[in-house]
Amino acid sequence: VDNYIKSASRATDLVGYGIRCSSSTDGLLITGNKVRRNGGGNEAAFGLSITNTCTNVRRYGNDLVNSGTTGSIDDQSSNPNLSAMDSDGWTDYTPSWGASTTNPAIGNGTITGRYKRIGKTVFYKVVVTMGSTTTFGSGRWSIGLPSTAASADWPCNAIAEDNSDSQRRYGGTGIAGTVNAFGFALSAAGISNGGVGNASGANATSPFTWAVSDVLRVSGFYEEA
């Protein structure tokens, strides 16, 4: 309770934790703690780690933003009491980008992802900005999730922005498809101008022919395995 911890795991990178709870702890209360990374060199994997042998954990009011390199909280305990959520922010990840036939390659474009885990629910968002050397592959695209989903039936939302057409936007939706990645379809008509059209799987030429500075945005949530 009420600790300030900074620069944990300085001896070995991604091995230690800011706060670690293990063994067969029962009825543990974790509150009022603040954990931060050092900002360079070896860092803790997680700001707070709780093993699956712990039971009846109560945790709230902890400031764990940017507290671990892998993530802020790794709580594997059974049914923790999270009525007042800890502040752990969002965590960056680098999504994979694949296709059903030949995988695209980001080249000098960018692909960024962020996610937030609350219990067993993971929220995520991905932004893909095409560069001049980006190649778009062939077949329907898919983008990797930040962790393994419990099942392959969780939906996502997608927006494509055509830079050559005044950032005209094409909306769509999709489903995970596998427990590690999701695919999606986009409308054939730009929603920026009120268009409506049949949706098809996103690929090198759908919903338009992709080129430099075009942007793909995807977001969703799922139950983690």
C-alpha atoms as a PDB file:
ATOM      1  CA  VAL A   1       0.000   0.000   0.000  1.00  0.00           C
ATOM      2  CA  ASP A   2       1.169   3.538  -0.902  1.00  0.00           C
ATOM      3  CA  ASN A   3       4.612   2.760  -2.366  1.00  0.00           C
ATOM      4  CA  TYR A   4       6.560   4.662  -5.043  1.00  0.00           C
ATOM      5  CA  ILE A   5       8.770   2.365  -7.119  1.00  0.00           C
ATOM      6  CA  LYS A   6      11.028   3.476  -9.958  1.00  0.00           C
ATOM      7  CA  SER A   7      13.721   1.693 -11.983  1.00  0.00           C
ATOM      8  CA  ALA A   8      12.907  -1.899 -11.041  1.00  0.00           C
ATOM      9  CA  SER A   9      14.815  -4.773 -12.737  1.00  0.00           C
ATOM     10  CA  ARG A  10      17.971  -2.748 -13.404  1.00  0.00           C
ATOM     11  CA  ALA A  11      20.183  -5.865 -13.272  1.00  0.00           C
ATOM     12  CA  THR A  12      18.438  -7.802 -16.070  1.00  0.00           C
ATOM     13  CA  ASP A  13      16.119  -6.484 -18.766  1.00  0.00           C
ATOM     14  CA  LEU A  14      12.490  -7.713 -18.880  1.00  0.00           C
ATOM     15  CA  VAL A  15      12.900 -10.155 -15.995  1.00  0.00           C
ATOM     16  CA  GLY A  16      11.777  -8.273 -12.900  1.00  0.00           C
ATOM     17  CA  TYR A  17       8.608  -6.407 -11.937  1.00  0.00           C
ATOM     18  CA  GLY A  18       7.778  -3.226 -10.089  1.00  0.00           C
ATOM     19  CA  ILE A  19       5.426  -5.171  -7.799  1.00  0.00           C
ATOM     20  CA  ARG A  20       5.211  -8.983  -7.873  1.00  0.00           C
ATOM     21  CA  CYS A  21       2.579 -11.049  -6.064  1.00  0.00           C
ATOM     22  CA  SER A  22       2.893 -14.835  -6.183  1.00  0.00           C
ATOM     23  CA  SER A  23       2.642 -18.065  -4.148  1.00  0.00           C
ATOM     24  CA  SER A  24      -0.854 -18.828  -2.829  1.00  0.00           C
ATOM     25  CA  THR A  25      -1.743 -15.366  -1.591  1.00  0.00           C
ATOM     26  CA  ASP A  26      -5.420 -14.973  -0.675  1.00  0.00           C
ATOM     27  CA  GLY A  27      -7.340 -11.744   0.002  1.00  0.00           C
ATOM     28  CA  LEU A  28      -4.510  -9.439  -1.110  1.00  0.00           C
ATOM     29  CA  LEU A  29      -5.143  -5.663  -1.220  1.00  0.00           C
ATOM     30  CA  ILE A  30      -3.005  -3.603  -3.625  1.00  0.00           C
ATOM     31  CA  THR A  31      -3.766   0.127  -3.572  1.00  0.00           C
ATOM     32  CA  GLY A  32      -2.196   3.579  -3.730  1.00  0.00           C
ATOM     33  CA  ASN A  33       1.044   2.479  -5.408  1.00  0.00           C
ATOM     34  CA  LYS A  34       2.941   4.353  -8.113  1.00  0.00           C
ATOM     35  CA  VAL A  35       5.369   2.505 -10.415  1.00  0.00           C
ATOM     36  CA  ARG A  36       7.544   3.999 -13.163  1.00  0.00           C
ATOM     37  CA  ARG A  37      10.213   2.743 -15.576  1.00  0.00           C
ATOM     38  CA  ASN A  38      13.734   4.137 -15.412  1.00  0.00           C
ATOM     39  CA  GLY A  39      13.539   5.512 -18.952  1.00  0.00           C
ATOM     40  CA  GLY A  40      16.660   3.808 -20.286  1.00  0.00           C
ATOM     41  CA  GLY A  41      18.726   0.635 -19.983  1.00  0.00           C
ATOM     42  CA  ASN A  42      17.294  -2.500 -18.356  1.00  0.00           C
ATOM     43  CA  GLU A  43      13.627  -2.235 -17.430  1.00  0.00           C
ATOM     44  CA  ALA A  44      10.909  -4.234 -15.678  1.00  0.00           C
ATOM     45  CA  ALA A  45       8.631  -6.385 -17.821  1.00  0.00           C
ATOM     46  CA  PHE A  46       5.452  -5.285 -15.992  1.00  0.00           C
ATOM     47  CA  GLY A  47       4.764  -2.645 -13.378  1.00  0.00           C
ATOM     48  CA  LEU A  48       2.462  -5.063 -11.529  1.00  0.00           C
ATOM     49  CA  SER A  49       2.499  -8.849 -11.887  1.00  0.00           C
ATOM     50  CA  ILE A  50       0.101 -11.222 -10.103  1.00  0.00           C
ATOM     51  CA  THR A  51       0.333 -14.979 -10.692  1.00  0.00           C
ATOM     52  CA  ASN A  52      -2.604 -17.347 -11.206  1.00  0.00           C
ATOM     53  CA  THR A  53      -2.022 -18.880  -7.780  1.00  0.00           C
ATOM     54  CA  CYS A  54      -3.335 -15.726  -6.074  1.00  0.00           C
ATOM     55  CA  THR A  55      -7.016 -15.500  -5.167  1.00  0.00           C
ATOM     56  CA  ASN A  56      -9.494 -12.815  -4.066  1.00  0.00           C
ATOM     57  CA  VAL A  57      -7.171  -9.976  -5.089  1.00  0.00           C
ATOM     58  CA  ARG A  58      -8.422  -6.417  -4.629  1.00  0.00           C
ATOM     59  CA  ARG A  59      -6.539  -3.694  -6.503  1.00  0.00           C
ATOM     60  CA  TYR A  60      -7.485  -0.096  -7.119  1.00  0.00           C
ATOM     61  CA  GLY A  61      -6.093   3.430  -7.149  1.00  0.00           C
ATOM     62  CA  ASN A  62      -2.650   2.372  -8.416  1.00  0.00           C
ATOM     63  CA  ASP A  63      -0.787   4.628 -10.882  1.00  0.00           C
ATOM     64  CA  LEU A  64       0.873   2.191 -13.297  1.00  0.00           C
ATOM     65  CA  VAL A  65       1.078   4.293 -16.476  1.00  0.00           C
ATOM     66  CA  ASN A  66       4.227   3.453 -18.482  1.00  0.00           C
ATOM     67  CA  SER A  67       5.478   1.183 -15.695  1.00  0.00           C
ATOM     68  CA  GLY A  68       6.697  -1.830 -17.709  1.00  0.00           C
ATOM     69  CA  THR A  69       8.211  -2.459 -21.137  1.00  0.00           C
ATOM     70  CA  THR A  70       5.968  -5.437 -21.966  1.00  0.00           C
ATOM     71  CA  GLY A  71       2.923  -3.898 -20.316  1.00  0.00           C
ATOM     72  CA  SER A  72       1.701  -2.187 -17.198  1.00  0.00           C
ATOM     73  CA  ILE A  73      -0.365  -4.944 -15.560  1.00  0.00           C
ATOM     74  CA  ASP A  74      -0.148  -8.727 -15.832  1.00  0.00           C
ATOM     75  CA  ASP A  75      -2.913  -9.940 -13.523  1.00  0.00           C
ATOM     76  CA  GLN A  76      -3.511 -13.679 -13.918  1.00  0.00           C
ATOM     77  CA  SER A  77      -5.394 -14.106 -10.650  1.00  0.00           C
ATOM     78  CA  SER A  78      -8.906 -15.553 -10.587  1.00  0.00           C
ATOM     79  CA  ASN A  79     -11.740 -12.998 -10.549  1.00  0.00           C
ATOM     80  CA  PRO A  80      -9.888  -9.995  -9.098  1.00  0.00           C
ATOM     81  CA  ASN A  81     -11.982  -7.176  -7.621  1.00  0.00           C
ATOM     82  CA  LEU A  82     -11.536  -4.265 -10.037  1.00  0.00           C
ATOM     83  CA  SER A  83     -14.478  -2.087  -9.065  1.00  0.00           C
ATOM     84  CA  ALA A  84     -12.183   0.945  -9.025  1.00  0.00           C
ATOM     85  CA  MET A  85      -9.805   0.506 -11.932  1.00  0.00           C
ATOM     86  CA  ASP A  86      -6.095   1.096 -11.792  1.00  0.00           C
ATOM     87  CA  SER A  87      -4.596   3.719 -14.109  1.00  0.00           C
ATOM     88  CA  ASP A  88      -2.330   1.882 -16.498  1.00  0.00           C
ATOM     89  CA  GLY A  89      -2.762   3.840 -19.746  1.00  0.00           C
ATOM     90  CA  TRP A  90      -2.375   2.285 -23.196  1.00  0.00           C
ATOM     91  CA  THR A  91       0.557   0.152 -24.351  1.00  0.00           C
ATOM     92  CA  ASP A  92       2.250   0.348 -27.761  1.00  0.00           C
ATOM     93  CA  TYR A  93       2.657  -2.723 -29.952  1.00  0.00           C
ATOM     94  CA  THR A  94       3.787  -3.350 -33.536  1.00  0.00           C
ATOM     95  CA  PRO A  95       1.042  -5.204 -35.428  1.00  0.00           C
ATOM     96  CA  SER A  96       1.788  -7.752 -38.131  1.00  0.00           C
ATOM     97  CA  TRP A  97       0.289  -7.047 -41.578  1.00  0.00           C
ATOM     98  CA  GLY A  98      -0.497 -10.026 -43.746  1.00  0.00           C
ATOM     99  CA  ALA A  99      -2.586 -11.098 -46.725  1.00  0.00           C
ATOM    100  CA  SER A 100      -4.213 -14.311 -47.888  1.00  0.00           C
ATOM    101  CA  THR A 101      -1.812 -14.767 -50.860  1.00  0.00           C
ATOM    102  CA  THR A 102       1.269 -12.506 -50.666  1.00  0.00           C
ATOM    103  CA  ASN A 103       1.994 -10.385 -47.604  1.00  0.00           C
ATOM    104  CA  PRO A 104       2.307  -6.598 -47.958  1.00  0.00           C
ATOM    105  CA  ALA A 105       5.430  -4.798 -46.689  1.00  0.00           C
ATOM    106  CA  ILE A 106       5.269  -1.427 -44.941  1.00  0.00           C
ATOM    107  CA  GLY A 107       8.558  -0.124 -46.421  1.00  0.00           C
ATOM    108  CA  ASN A 108       9.012   3.531 -45.432  1.00  0.00           C
ATOM    109  CA  GLY A 109       5.400   3.803 -44.275  1.00  0.00           C
ATOM    110  CA  THR A 110       4.360   3.309 -40.670  1.00  0.00           C
ATOM    111  CA  ILE A 111       2.212   0.790 -38.827  1.00  0.00           C
ATOM    112  CA  THR A 112       1.459   1.511 -35.195  1.00  0.00           C
ATOM    113  CA  GLY A 113      -0.759  -0.167 -32.652  1.00  0.00           C
ATOM    114  CA  ARG A 114      -1.882   0.506 -29.096  1.00  0.00           C
ATOM    115  CA  TYR A 115      -3.916  -1.578 -26.689  1.00  0.00           C
ATOM    116  CA  LYS A 116      -5.411  -1.450 -23.215  1.00  0.00           C
ATOM    117  CA  ARG A 117      -6.180  -4.521 -21.145  1.00  0.00           C
ATOM    118  CA  ILE A 118      -8.937  -4.437 -18.514  1.00  0.00           C
ATOM    119  CA  GLY A 119      -9.203  -7.817 -16.885  1.00  0.00           C
ATOM    120  CA  LYS A 120      -9.675 -10.281 -19.772  1.00  0.00           C
ATOM    121  CA  THR A 121     -10.923  -7.610 -22.202  1.00  0.00           C
ATOM    122  CA  VAL A 122      -8.427  -6.043 -24.629  1.00  0.00           C
ATOM    123  CA  PHE A 123      -9.163  -2.819 -26.537  1.00  0.00           C
ATOM    124  CA  TYR A 124      -6.896  -2.031 -29.495  1.00  0.00           C
ATOM    125  CA  LYS A 125      -6.389   0.442 -32.319  1.00  0.00           C
ATOM    126  CA  VAL A 126      -4.099   0.277 -35.354  1.00  0.00           C
ATOM    127  CA  VAL A 127      -3.050   2.980 -37.834  1.00  0.00           C
ATOM    128  CA  VAL A 128      -1.321   2.077 -41.115  1.00  0.00           C
ATOM    129  CA  THR A 129       0.079   4.994 -43.141  1.00  0.00           C
ATOM    130  CA  MET A 130       1.312   4.037 -46.586  1.00  0.00           C
ATOM    131  CA  GLY A 131       4.766   5.165 -47.721  1.00  0.00           C
ATOM    132  CA  SER A 132       6.344   5.582 -51.145  1.00  0.00           C
ATOM    133  CA  THR A 133       8.024   2.154 -50.861  1.00  0.00           C
ATOM    134  CA  THR A 134       5.080   0.311 -49.289  1.00  0.00           C
ATOM    135  CA  THR A 135       4.027  -2.779 -51.245  1.00  0.00           C
ATOM    136  CA  PHE A 136       0.472  -3.995 -50.878  1.00  0.00           C
ATOM    137  CA  GLY A 137       0.696  -7.738 -51.506  1.00  0.00           C
ATOM    138  CA  SER A 138      -2.151  -9.770 -52.938  1.00  0.00           C
ATOM    139  CA  GLY A 139      -5.264 -11.231 -51.402  1.00  0.00           C
ATOM    140  CA  ARG A 140      -7.349 -10.050 -48.487  1.00  0.00           C
ATOM    141  CA  TRP A 141      -5.456  -8.195 -45.759  1.00  0.00           C
ATOM    142  CA  SER A 142      -5.284  -9.123 -42.086  1.00  0.00           C
ATOM    143  CA  ILE A 143      -3.677  -7.358 -39.119  1.00  0.00           C
ATOM    144  CA  GLY A 144      -2.322  -9.012 -35.997  1.00  0.00           C
ATOM    145  CA  LEU A 145      -3.885  -8.619 -32.559  1.00  0.00           C
ATOM    146  CA  PRO A 146      -1.764  -7.598 -29.550  1.00  0.00           C
ATOM    147  CA  SER A 147      -2.454 -10.967 -27.847  1.00  0.00           C
ATOM    148  CA  THR A 148      -4.329 -14.219 -28.440  1.00  0.00           C
ATOM    149  CA  ALA A 149      -8.121 -13.973 -28.383  1.00  0.00           C
ATOM    150  CA  ALA A 150     -10.327 -16.525 -26.651  1.00  0.00           C
ATOM    151  CA  SER A 151     -12.248 -17.058 -29.897  1.00  0.00           C
ATOM    152  CA  ALA A 152     -12.265 -15.884 -33.505  1.00  0.00           C
ATOM    153  CA  ASP A 153     -15.664 -14.174 -33.621  1.00  0.00           C
ATOM    154  CA  TRP A 154     -14.973 -10.660 -32.290  1.00  0.00           C
ATOM    155  CA  PRO A 155     -15.868  -7.718 -34.597  1.00  0.00           C
ATOM    156  CA  CYS A 156     -13.762  -4.684 -35.502  1.00  0.00           C
ATOM    157  CA  ASN A 157     -14.332  -1.339 -37.225  1.00  0.00           C
ATOM    158  CA  ALA A 158     -12.227   0.050 -40.080  1.00  0.00           C
ATOM    159  CA  ILE A 159     -11.811   3.334 -41.954  1.00  0.00           C
ATOM    160  CA  ALA A 160      -9.756   3.826 -45.134  1.00  0.00           C
ATOM    161  CA  GLU A 161      -8.670   7.351 -46.161  1.00  0.00           C
ATOM    162  CA  ASP A 162      -7.833   8.066 -49.811  1.00  0.00           C
ATOM    163  CA  ASN A 163      -5.247  10.866 -49.839  1.00  0.00           C
ATOM    164  CA  SER A 164      -5.603  11.435 -53.586  1.00  0.00           C
ATOM    165  CA  ASP A 165      -9.332  12.139 -53.183  1.00  0.00           C
ATOM    166  CA  SER A 166      -9.295  14.813 -50.454  1.00  0.00           C
ATOM    167  CA  GLN A 167      -9.047  12.193 -47.690  1.00  0.00           C
ATOM    168  CA  ARG A 168     -12.318  10.602 -48.763  1.00  0.00           C
ATOM    169  CA  ARG A 169     -13.166   7.933 -46.200  1.00  0.00           C
ATOM    170  CA  TYR A 170     -14.455   4.419 -46.734  1.00  0.00           C
ATOM    171  CA  GLY A 171     -16.002   2.698 -43.740  1.00  0.00           C
ATOM    172  CA  GLY A 172     -16.263  -0.975 -42.961  1.00  0.00           C
ATOM    173  CA  THR A 173     -16.275  -3.709 -40.385  1.00  0.00           C
ATOM    174  CA  GLY A 174     -14.858  -7.166 -39.962  1.00  0.00           C
ATOM    175  CA  ILE A 175     -14.277 -10.096 -37.675  1.00  0.00           C
ATOM    176  CA  ALA A 176     -11.171 -11.574 -36.139  1.00  0.00           C
ATOM    177  CA  GLY A 177     -11.190 -14.680 -38.338  1.00  0.00           C
ATOM    178  CA  THR A 178      -8.465 -16.290 -36.226  1.00  0.00           C
ATOM    179  CA  VAL A 179      -7.475 -15.876 -32.584  1.00  0.00           C
ATOM    180  CA  ASN A 180      -4.342 -13.952 -33.623  1.00  0.00           C
ATOM    181  CA  ALA A 181      -5.451 -11.608 -36.424  1.00  0.00           C
ATOM    182  CA  PHE A 182      -8.498  -9.920 -37.921  1.00  0.00           C
ATOM    183  CA  GLY A 183      -9.687  -9.276 -41.472  1.00  0.00           C
ATOM    184  CA  PHE A 184     -12.176  -6.639 -42.566  1.00  0.00           C
ATOM    185  CA  ALA A 185     -14.288  -5.378 -45.463  1.00  0.00           C
ATOM    186  CA  LEU A 186     -14.653  -1.782 -46.626  1.00  0.00           C
ATOM    187  CA  SER A 187     -17.485  -0.045 -48.466  1.00  0.00           C
ATOM    188  CA  ALA A 188     -17.027   0.454 -52.196  1.00  0.00           C
ATOM    189  CA  ALA A 189     -18.418   3.997 -51.877  1.00  0.00           C
ATOM    190  CA  GLY A 190     -16.836   6.785 -49.865  1.00  0.00           C
ATOM    191  CA  ILE A 191     -18.793   7.636 -46.730  1.00  0.00           C
ATOM    192  CA  SER A 192     -17.324  11.162 -46.613  1.00  0.00           C
ATOM    193  CA  ASN A 193     -19.697  12.141 -49.404  1.00  0.00           C
ATOM    194  CA  GLY A 194     -22.650  10.097 -48.188  1.00  0.00           C
ATOM    195  CA  GLY A 195     -21.941   7.170 -50.507  1.00  0.00           C
ATOM    196  CA  VAL A 196     -23.223   3.665 -49.846  1.00  0.00           C
ATOM    197  CA  GLY A 197     -21.919   0.569 -51.571  1.00  0.00           C
ATOM    198  CA  ASN A 198     -21.318  -3.130 -51.221  1.00  0.00           C
ATOM    199  CA  ALA A 199     -18.376  -4.028 -48.982  1.00  0.00           C
ATOM    200  CA  SER A 200     -15.462  -6.208 -50.030  1.00  0.00           C
ATOM    201  CA  GLY A 201     -12.305  -7.437 -48.359  1.00  0.00           C
ATOM    202  CA  ALA A 202      -9.571  -4.807 -48.071  1.00  0.00           C
ATOM    203  CA  ASN A 203      -6.644  -5.459 -50.416  1.00  0.00           C
ATOM    204  CA  ALA A 204      -4.232  -3.653 -52.744  1.00  0.00           C
ATOM    205  CA  THR A 205      -7.060  -2.309 -54.936  1.00  0.00           C
ATOM    206  CA  SER A 206     -10.047  -2.272 -52.575  1.00  0.00           C
ATOM    207  CA  PRO A 207     -11.825  -0.033 -51.718  1.00  0.00           C
ATOM    208  CA  PHE A 208      -9.459   1.983 -53.958  1.00  0.00           C
ATOM    209  CA  THR A 209      -5.935   1.534 -55.340  1.00  0.00           C
ATOM    210  CA  TRP A 210      -3.723   2.274 -52.347  1.00  0.00           C
ATOM    211  CA  ALA A 211      -0.812   4.689 -52.680  1.00  0.00           C
ATOM    212  CA  VAL A 212       1.516   6.896 -50.643  1.00  0.00           C
ATOM    213  CA  SER A 213      -0.094   8.807 -47.715  1.00  0.00           C
ATOM    214  CA  ASP A 214      -3.288   6.745 -47.749  1.00  0.00           C
ATOM    215  CA  VAL A 215      -4.292   5.686 -44.237  1.00  0.00           C
ATOM    216  CA  LEU A 216      -6.009   2.639 -42.771  1.00  0.00           C
ATOM    217  CA  ARG A 217      -7.444   2.834 -39.226  1.00  0.00           C
ATOM    218  CA  VAL A 218      -8.826  -0.200 -37.385  1.00  0.00           C
ATOM    219  CA  SER A 219     -10.106  -0.580 -33.831  1.00  0.00           C
ATOM    220  CA  GLY A 220     -11.962  -3.124 -31.755  1.00  0.00           C
ATOM    221  CA  PHE A 221     -11.945  -5.242 -28.635  1.00  0.00           C
ATOM    222  CA  TYR A 222     -11.981  -8.915 -27.721  1.00  0.00           C
ATOM    223  CA  GLU A 223     -11.856 -11.394 -24.860  1.00  0.00           C
ATOM    224  CA  GLU A 224      -8.310 -12.560 -24.242  1.00  0.00           C
ATOM    225  CA  ALA A 225      -7.520 -16.271 -24.044  1.00  0.00           C
END
